[in-house]
Amino acid sequence: MKIKYVKPIKLKVLTGVFFGVGIWGIFFGLSMPMIGYTPTISMTITVLGVVNLCMGGFVGYLLLTQVKTPDSRKDSKYKRKK
């Protein structure tokens, strides 16, 4: 599967957001029963935090493995003048 090239700064921001929210979700979900919430709600938030961590891992994988290939159609050195 070929995925379109995305600027690295966007991928870095997405990775940071996913990891940050994932860690926060896991921490908050595990500490909710101490506050007095039902275990169902805390388990849901914990699972969603784990999903965010997985999404952060996927975006980080894209960041590390994507290769910028030059587009042969955009050769500015020999572009024809109109």
PDB file of N, CA and C in Angstrom:
ATOM      1  N   MET A   1       0.845  -1.175   0.000  1.00  0.00           N
ATOM      2  CA  MET A   1       0.000   0.000   0.000  1.00  0.00           C
ATOM      3  C   MET A   1       0.892   1.241   0.000  1.00  0.00           C
ATOM      4  N   LYS A   2       0.644   2.127  -0.939  1.00  0.00           N
ATOM      5  CA  LYS A   2       1.430   3.353  -1.063  1.00  0.00           C
ATOM      6  C   LYS A   2       0.655   4.501  -0.406  1.00  0.00           C
ATOM      7  N   ILE A   3       1.317   5.180   0.499  1.00  0.00           N
ATOM      8  CA  ILE A   3       0.692   6.302   1.194  1.00  0.00           C
ATOM      9  C   ILE A   3       1.351   7.589   0.723  1.00  0.00           C
ATOM     10  N   LYS A   4       0.548   8.631   0.539  1.00  0.00           N
ATOM     11  CA  LYS A   4       1.036   9.913   0.066  1.00  0.00           C
ATOM     12  C   LYS A   4       2.050  10.500   1.048  1.00  0.00           C
ATOM     13  N   TYR A   5       3.040  11.222   0.521  1.00  0.00           N
ATOM     14  CA  TYR A   5       4.064  11.854   1.351  1.00  0.00           C
ATOM     15  C   TYR A   5       3.429  12.955   2.181  1.00  0.00           C
ATOM     16  N   VAL A   6       3.732  12.959   3.464  1.00  0.00           N
ATOM     17  CA  VAL A   6       3.237  13.983   4.389  1.00  0.00           C
ATOM     18  C   VAL A   6       4.450  14.672   4.993  1.00  0.00           C
ATOM     19  N   LYS A   7       4.351  15.983   5.167  1.00  0.00           N
ATOM     20  CA  LYS A   7       5.476  16.724   5.739  1.00  0.00           C
ATOM     21  C   LYS A   7       5.809  16.187   7.132  1.00  0.00           C
ATOM     22  N   PRO A   8       7.109  16.043   7.421  1.00  0.00           N
ATOM     23  CA  PRO A   8       7.504  15.471   8.717  1.00  0.00           C
ATOM     24  C   PRO A   8       7.025  16.264   9.925  1.00  0.00           C
ATOM     25  N   ILE A   9       6.898  17.581   9.810  1.00  0.00           N
ATOM     26  CA  ILE A   9       6.477  18.367  10.973  1.00  0.00           C
ATOM     27  C   ILE A   9       5.037  18.008  11.362  1.00  0.00           C
ATOM     28  N   LYS A  10       4.176  17.745  10.368  1.00  0.00           N
ATOM     29  CA  LYS A  10       2.801  17.346  10.674  1.00  0.00           C
ATOM     30  C   LYS A  10       2.779  15.993  11.373  1.00  0.00           C
ATOM     31  N   LEU A  11       3.612  15.076  10.905  1.00  0.00           N
ATOM     32  CA  LEU A  11       3.649  13.750  11.522  1.00  0.00           C
ATOM     33  C   LEU A  11       4.210  13.820  12.940  1.00  0.00           C
ATOM     34  N   LYS A  12       5.186  14.697  13.172  1.00  0.00           N
ATOM     35  CA  LYS A  12       5.741  14.842  14.523  1.00  0.00           C
ATOM     36  C   LYS A  12       4.689  15.383  15.483  1.00  0.00           C
ATOM     37  N   VAL A  13       3.906  16.361  15.020  1.00  0.00           N
ATOM     38  CA  VAL A  13       2.852  16.931  15.868  1.00  0.00           C
ATOM     39  C   VAL A  13       1.792  15.878  16.163  1.00  0.00           C
ATOM     40  N   LEU A  14       1.372  15.126  15.126  1.00  0.00           N
ATOM     41  CA  LEU A  14       0.366  14.082  15.338  1.00  0.00           C
ATOM     42  C   LEU A  14       0.870  13.000  16.294  1.00  0.00           C
ATOM     43  N   THR A  15       2.134  12.608  16.145  1.00  0.00           N
ATOM     44  CA  THR A  15       2.693  11.593  17.032  1.00  0.00           C
ATOM     45  C   THR A  15       2.685  12.084  18.476  1.00  0.00           C
ATOM     46  N   GLY A  16       3.110  13.314  18.690  1.00  0.00           N
ATOM     47  CA  GLY A  16       3.113  13.872  20.042  1.00  0.00           C
ATOM     48  C   GLY A  16       1.727  13.964  20.646  1.00  0.00           C
ATOM     49  N   VAL A  17       0.756  14.379  19.831  1.00  0.00           N
ATOM     50  CA  VAL A  17      -0.622  14.505  20.330  1.00  0.00           C
ATOM     51  C   VAL A  17      -1.184  13.131  20.680  1.00  0.00           C
ATOM     52  N   PHE A  18      -0.990  12.150  19.796  1.00  0.00           N
ATOM     53  CA  PHE A  18      -1.524  10.815  20.079  1.00  0.00           C
ATOM     54  C   PHE A  18      -0.881  10.205  21.314  1.00  0.00           C
ATOM     55  N   PHE A  19       0.439  10.310  21.442  1.00  0.00           N
ATOM     56  CA  PHE A  19       1.098   9.747  22.621  1.00  0.00           C
ATOM     57  C   PHE A  19       0.692  10.488  23.890  1.00  0.00           C
ATOM     58  N   GLY A  20       0.614  11.813  23.826  1.00  0.00           N
ATOM     59  CA  GLY A  20       0.236  12.595  25.007  1.00  0.00           C
ATOM     60  C   GLY A  20      -1.173  12.284  25.482  1.00  0.00           C
ATOM     61  N   VAL A  21      -2.118  12.276  24.557  1.00  0.00           N
ATOM     62  CA  VAL A  21      -3.509  11.998  24.926  1.00  0.00           C
ATOM     63  C   VAL A  21      -3.663  10.538  25.354  1.00  0.00           C
ATOM     64  N   GLY A  22      -2.903   9.641  24.726  1.00  0.00           N
ATOM     65  CA  GLY A  22      -2.974   8.230  25.109  1.00  0.00           C
ATOM     66  C   GLY A  22      -2.490   7.996  26.529  1.00  0.00           C
ATOM     67  N   ILE A  23      -1.368   8.600  26.874  1.00  0.00           N
ATOM     68  CA  ILE A  23      -0.833   8.458  28.237  1.00  0.00           C
ATOM     69  C   ILE A  23      -1.786   9.101  29.250  1.00  0.00           C
ATOM     70  N   TRP A  24      -2.308  10.268  28.891  1.00  0.00           N
ATOM     71  CA  TRP A  24      -3.263  10.933  29.784  1.00  0.00           C
ATOM     72  C   TRP A  24      -4.510  10.075  29.967  1.00  0.00           C
ATOM     73  N   GLY A  25      -5.017   9.479  28.877  1.00  0.00           N
ATOM     74  CA  GLY A  25      -6.220   8.652  28.955  1.00  0.00           C
ATOM     75  C   GLY A  25      -6.014   7.418  29.814  1.00  0.00           C
ATOM     76  N   ILE A  26      -4.863   6.780  29.669  1.00  0.00           N
ATOM     77  CA  ILE A  26      -4.583   5.598  30.487  1.00  0.00           C
ATOM     78  C   ILE A  26      -4.466   5.984  31.966  1.00  0.00           C
ATOM     79  N   PHE A  27      -3.740   7.049  32.231  1.00  0.00           N
ATOM     80  CA  PHE A  27      -3.581   7.494  33.616  1.00  0.00           C
ATOM     81  C   PHE A  27      -4.925   7.881  34.231  1.00  0.00           C
ATOM     82  N   PHE A  28      -5.701   8.667  33.497  1.00  0.00           N
ATOM     83  CA  PHE A  28      -6.994   9.126  34.008  1.00  0.00           C
ATOM     84  C   PHE A  28      -7.965   7.960  34.159  1.00  0.00           C
ATOM     85  N   GLY A  29      -7.949   7.031  33.190  1.00  0.00           N
ATOM     86  CA  GLY A  29      -8.844   5.881  33.269  1.00  0.00           C
ATOM     87  C   GLY A  29      -8.514   4.951  34.421  1.00  0.00           C
ATOM     88  N   LEU A  30      -7.231   4.806  34.725  1.00  0.00           N
ATOM     89  CA  LEU A  30      -6.859   3.944  35.843  1.00  0.00           C
ATOM     90  C   LEU A  30      -7.061   4.611  37.197  1.00  0.00           C
ATOM     91  N   SER A  31      -7.070   5.942  37.224  1.00  0.00           N
ATOM     92  CA  SER A  31      -7.258   6.629  38.505  1.00  0.00           C
ATOM     93  C   SER A  31      -8.717   6.993  38.770  1.00  0.00           C
ATOM     94  N   MET A  32      -9.609   6.801  37.811  1.00  0.00           N
ATOM     95  CA  MET A  32     -11.020   7.157  38.007  1.00  0.00           C
ATOM     96  C   MET A  32     -11.721   6.350  39.089  1.00  0.00           C
ATOM     97  N   PRO A  33     -11.480   5.038  39.228  1.00  0.00           N
ATOM     98  CA  PRO A  33     -12.187   4.310  40.306  1.00  0.00           C
ATOM     99  C   PRO A  33     -11.851   4.837  41.697  1.00  0.00           C
ATOM    100  N   MET A  34     -10.678   5.441  41.860  1.00  0.00           N
ATOM    101  CA  MET A  34     -10.330   6.009  43.167  1.00  0.00           C
ATOM    102  C   MET A  34     -11.185   7.223  43.488  1.00  0.00           C
ATOM    103  N   ILE A  35     -11.620   7.918  42.438  1.00  0.00           N
ATOM    104  CA  ILE A  35     -12.445   9.113  42.633  1.00  0.00           C
ATOM    105  C   ILE A  35     -13.892   8.726  42.915  1.00  0.00           C
ATOM    106  N   GLY A  36     -14.328   7.590  42.369  1.00  0.00           N
ATOM    107  CA  GLY A  36     -15.682   7.144  42.636  1.00  0.00           C
ATOM    108  C   GLY A  36     -16.507   6.862  41.400  1.00  0.00           C
ATOM    109  N   TYR A  37     -15.901   6.845  40.226  1.00  0.00           N
ATOM    110  CA  TYR A  37     -16.637   6.543  39.006  1.00  0.00           C
ATOM    111  C   TYR A  37     -16.794   5.037  38.841  1.00  0.00           C
ATOM    112  N   THR A  38     -17.724   4.647  37.991  1.00  0.00           N
ATOM    113  CA  THR A  38     -17.971   3.224  37.765  1.00  0.00           C
ATOM    114  C   THR A  38     -16.822   2.617  36.958  1.00  0.00           C
ATOM    115  N   PRO A  39     -16.571   1.340  37.147  1.00  0.00           N
ATOM    116  CA  PRO A  39     -15.483   0.681  36.416  1.00  0.00           C
ATOM    117  C   PRO A  39     -15.702   0.642  34.901  1.00  0.00           C
ATOM    118  N   THR A  40     -16.952   0.677  34.443  1.00  0.00           N
ATOM    119  CA  THR A  40     -17.219   0.631  33.008  1.00  0.00           C
ATOM    120  C   THR A  40     -16.682   1.870  32.308  1.00  0.00           C
ATOM    121  N   ILE A  41     -16.915   3.030  32.894  1.00  0.00           N
ATOM    122  CA  ILE A  41     -16.448   4.282  32.295  1.00  0.00           C
ATOM    123  C   ILE A  41     -14.920   4.340  32.318  1.00  0.00           C
ATOM    124  N   SER A  42     -14.339   3.944  33.429  1.00  0.00           N
ATOM    125  CA  SER A  42     -12.879   4.006  33.526  1.00  0.00           C
ATOM    126  C   SER A  42     -12.217   3.015  32.571  1.00  0.00           C
ATOM    127  N   MET A  43     -12.828   1.846  32.378  1.00  0.00           N
ATOM    128  CA  MET A  43     -12.276   0.871  31.439  1.00  0.00           C
ATOM    129  C   MET A  43     -12.364   1.386  30.012  1.00  0.00           C
ATOM    130  N   THR A  44     -13.463   2.062  29.675  1.00  0.00           N
ATOM    131  CA  THR A  44     -13.627   2.624  28.334  1.00  0.00           C
ATOM    132  C   THR A  44     -12.558   3.676  28.054  1.00  0.00           C
ATOM    133  N   ILE A  45     -12.321   4.560  29.008  1.00  0.00           N
ATOM    134  CA  ILE A  45     -11.314   5.608  28.819  1.00  0.00           C
ATOM    135  C   ILE A  45      -9.917   4.993  28.730  1.00  0.00           C
ATOM    136  N   THR A  46      -9.656   3.957  29.507  1.00  0.00           N
ATOM    137  CA  THR A  46      -8.357   3.280  29.439  1.00  0.00           C
ATOM    138  C   THR A  46      -8.158   2.619  28.086  1.00  0.00           C
ATOM    139  N   VAL A  47      -9.176   1.959  27.561  1.00  0.00           N
ATOM    140  CA  VAL A  47      -9.070   1.317  26.246  1.00  0.00           C
ATOM    141  C   VAL A  47      -8.868   2.361  25.152  1.00  0.00           C
ATOM    142  N   LEU A  48      -9.561   3.481  25.235  1.00  0.00           N
ATOM    143  CA  LEU A  48      -9.368   4.542  24.250  1.00  0.00           C
ATOM    144  C   LEU A  48      -7.965   5.151  24.348  1.00  0.00           C
ATOM    145  N   GLY A  49      -7.409   5.197  25.544  1.00  0.00           N
ATOM    146  CA  GLY A  49      -6.028   5.645  25.697  1.00  0.00           C
ATOM    147  C   GLY A  49      -5.048   4.701  25.024  1.00  0.00           C
ATOM    148  N   VAL A  50      -5.310   3.401  25.133  1.00  0.00           N
ATOM    149  CA  VAL A  50      -4.456   2.413  24.466  1.00  0.00           C
ATOM    150  C   VAL A  50      -4.588   2.536  22.953  1.00  0.00           C
ATOM    151  N   VAL A  51      -5.801   2.803  22.462  1.00  0.00           N
ATOM    152  CA  VAL A  51      -6.000   3.014  21.021  1.00  0.00           C
ATOM    153  C   VAL A  51      -5.210   4.231  20.554  1.00  0.00           C
ATOM    154  N   ASN A  52      -5.202   5.301  21.338  1.00  0.00           N
ATOM    155  CA  ASN A  52      -4.421   6.484  20.989  1.00  0.00           C
ATOM    156  C   ASN A  52      -2.927   6.172  20.965  1.00  0.00           C
ATOM    157  N   LEU A  53      -2.449   5.366  21.895  1.00  0.00           N
ATOM    158  CA  LEU A  53      -1.037   4.968  21.858  1.00  0.00           C
ATOM    159  C   LEU A  53      -0.715   4.184  20.593  1.00  0.00           C
ATOM    160  N   CYS A  54      -1.617   3.310  20.190  1.00  0.00           N
ATOM    161  CA  CYS A  54      -1.405   2.548  18.952  1.00  0.00           C
ATOM    162  C   CYS A  54      -1.397   3.462  17.736  1.00  0.00           C
ATOM    163  N   MET A  55      -2.286   4.438  17.713  1.00  0.00           N
ATOM    164  CA  MET A  55      -2.301   5.385  16.596  1.00  0.00           C
ATOM    165  C   MET A  55      -1.018   6.211  16.579  1.00  0.00           C
ATOM    166  N   GLY A  56      -0.522   6.595  17.760  1.00  0.00           N
ATOM    167  CA  GLY A  56       0.755   7.307  17.820  1.00  0.00           C
ATOM    168  C   GLY A  56       1.898   6.456  17.312  1.00  0.00           C
ATOM    169  N   GLY A  57       1.879   5.166  17.619  1.00  0.00           N
ATOM    170  CA  GLY A  57       2.903   4.260  17.098  1.00  0.00           C
ATOM    171  C   GLY A  57       2.836   4.133  15.592  1.00  0.00           C
ATOM    172  N   PHE A  58       1.624   4.075  15.037  1.00  0.00           N
ATOM    173  CA  PHE A  58       1.478   3.980  13.585  1.00  0.00           C
ATOM    174  C   PHE A  58       1.967   5.242  12.889  1.00  0.00           C
ATOM    175  N   VAL A  59       1.599   6.402  13.425  1.00  0.00           N
ATOM    176  CA  VAL A  59       2.042   7.661  12.820  1.00  0.00           C
ATOM    177  C   VAL A  59       3.563   7.801  12.959  1.00  0.00           C
ATOM    178  N   GLY A  60       4.123   7.373  14.093  1.00  0.00           N
ATOM    179  CA  GLY A  60       5.581   7.378  14.245  1.00  0.00           C
ATOM    180  C   GLY A  60       6.263   6.455  13.262  1.00  0.00           C
ATOM    181  N   TYR A  61       5.651   5.296  12.997  1.00  0.00           N
ATOM    182  CA  TYR A  61       6.182   4.374  11.985  1.00  0.00           C
ATOM    183  C   TYR A  61       6.174   5.025  10.610  1.00  0.00           C
ATOM    184  N   LEU A  62       5.089   5.727  10.277  1.00  0.00           N
ATOM    185  CA  LEU A  62       5.037   6.440   9.002  1.00  0.00           C
ATOM    186  C   LEU A  62       6.123   7.508   8.926  1.00  0.00           C
ATOM    187  N   LEU A  63       6.337   8.195  10.035  1.00  0.00           N
ATOM    188  CA  LEU A  63       7.358   9.246  10.071  1.00  0.00           C
ATOM    189  C   LEU A  63       8.744   8.677   9.815  1.00  0.00           C
ATOM    190  N   LEU A  64       9.034   7.525  10.391  1.00  0.00           N
ATOM    191  CA  LEU A  64      10.366   6.946  10.265  1.00  0.00           C
ATOM    192  C   LEU A  64      10.596   6.238   8.943  1.00  0.00           C
ATOM    193  N   THR A  65       9.554   5.768   8.294  1.00  0.00           N
ATOM    194  CA  THR A  65       9.754   4.953   7.095  1.00  0.00           C
ATOM    195  C   THR A  65       9.416   5.645   5.788  1.00  0.00           C
ATOM    196  N   GLN A  66       8.797   6.820   5.810  1.00  0.00           N
ATOM    197  CA  GLN A  66       8.440   7.437   4.533  1.00  0.00           C
ATOM    198  C   GLN A  66       9.669   8.009   3.840  1.00  0.00           C
ATOM    199  N   VAL A  67       9.639   7.905   2.525  1.00  0.00           N
ATOM    200  CA  VAL A  67      10.746   8.376   1.700  1.00  0.00           C
ATOM    201  C   VAL A  67      10.189   9.406   0.731  1.00  0.00           C
ATOM    202  N   LYS A  68      10.868  10.529   0.619  1.00  0.00           N
ATOM    203  CA  LYS A  68      10.424  11.555  -0.308  1.00  0.00           C
ATOM    204  C   LYS A  68      11.030  11.257  -1.673  1.00  0.00           C
ATOM    205  N   THR A  69      10.185  10.904  -2.617  1.00  0.00           N
ATOM    206  CA  THR A  69      10.658  10.638  -3.971  1.00  0.00           C
ATOM    207  C   THR A  69      10.427  11.879  -4.816  1.00  0.00           C
ATOM    208  N   PRO A  70      11.417  12.295  -5.568  1.00  0.00           N
ATOM    209  CA  PRO A  70      11.233  13.486  -6.404  1.00  0.00           C
ATOM    210  C   PRO A  70      10.218  13.208  -7.514  1.00  0.00           C
ATOM    211  N   ASP A  71       9.376  14.171  -7.762  1.00  0.00           N
ATOM    212  CA  ASP A  71       8.361  14.037  -8.795  1.00  0.00           C
ATOM    213  C   ASP A  71       8.966  14.431 -10.130  1.00  0.00           C
ATOM    214  N   SER A  72       8.924  13.514 -11.082  1.00  0.00           N
ATOM    215  CA  SER A  72       9.562  13.791 -12.374  1.00  0.00           C
ATOM    216  C   SER A  72       8.801  14.842 -13.168  1.00  0.00           C
ATOM    217  N   ARG A  73       7.546  15.061 -12.850  1.00  0.00           N
ATOM    218  CA  ARG A  73       6.766  16.069 -13.571  1.00  0.00           C
ATOM    219  C   ARG A  73       7.114  17.487 -13.137  1.00  0.00           C
ATOM    220  N   LYS A  74       7.719  17.634 -11.983  1.00  0.00           N
ATOM    221  CA  LYS A  74       8.031  18.970 -11.453  1.00  0.00           C
ATOM    222  C   LYS A  74       9.528  19.239 -11.552  1.00  0.00           C
ATOM    223  N   ASP A  75      10.013  19.345 -12.754  1.00  0.00           N
ATOM    224  CA  ASP A  75      11.431  19.637 -12.965  1.00  0.00           C
ATOM    225  C   ASP A  75      11.562  21.125 -13.261  1.00  0.00           C
ATOM    226  N   SER A  76      11.815  21.921 -12.241  1.00  0.00           N
ATOM    227  CA  SER A  76      11.786  23.378 -12.394  1.00  0.00           C
ATOM    228  C   SER A  76      12.977  23.901 -13.172  1.00  0.00           C
ATOM    229  N   LYS A  77      14.068  23.134 -13.236  1.00  0.00           N
ATOM    230  CA  LYS A  77      15.265  23.618 -13.926  1.00  0.00           C
ATOM    231  C   LYS A  77      15.027  23.712 -15.444  1.00  0.00           C
ATOM    232  N   TYR A  78      14.288  22.781 -15.987  1.00  0.00           N
ATOM    233  CA  TYR A  78      14.071  22.732 -17.430  1.00  0.00           C
ATOM    234  C   TYR A  78      12.619  22.965 -17.797  1.00  0.00           C
ATOM    235  N   LYS A  79      11.923  23.727 -16.987  1.00  0.00           N
ATOM    236  CA  LYS A  79      10.508  23.980 -17.238  1.00  0.00           C
ATOM    237  C   LYS A  79      10.347  24.893 -18.460  1.00  0.00           C
ATOM    238  N   ARG A  80       9.371  24.581 -19.282  1.00  0.00           N
ATOM    239  CA  ARG A  80       9.098  25.430 -20.449  1.00  0.00           C
ATOM    240  C   ARG A  80       8.446  26.719 -20.025  1.00  0.00           C
ATOM    241  N   LYS A  81       8.798  27.767 -20.677  1.00  0.00           N
ATOM    242  CA  LYS A  81       8.152  29.059 -20.416  1.00  0.00           C
ATOM    243  C   LYS A  81       6.951  29.185 -21.324  1.00  0.00           C
ATOM    244  N   LYS A  82       5.899  29.726 -20.771  1.00  0.00           N
ATOM    245  CA  LYS A  82       4.662  29.888 -21.559  1.00  0.00           C
ATOM    246  C   LYS A  82       4.599  31.244 -22.196  1.00  0.00           C
TER     247      LYS A  82
END
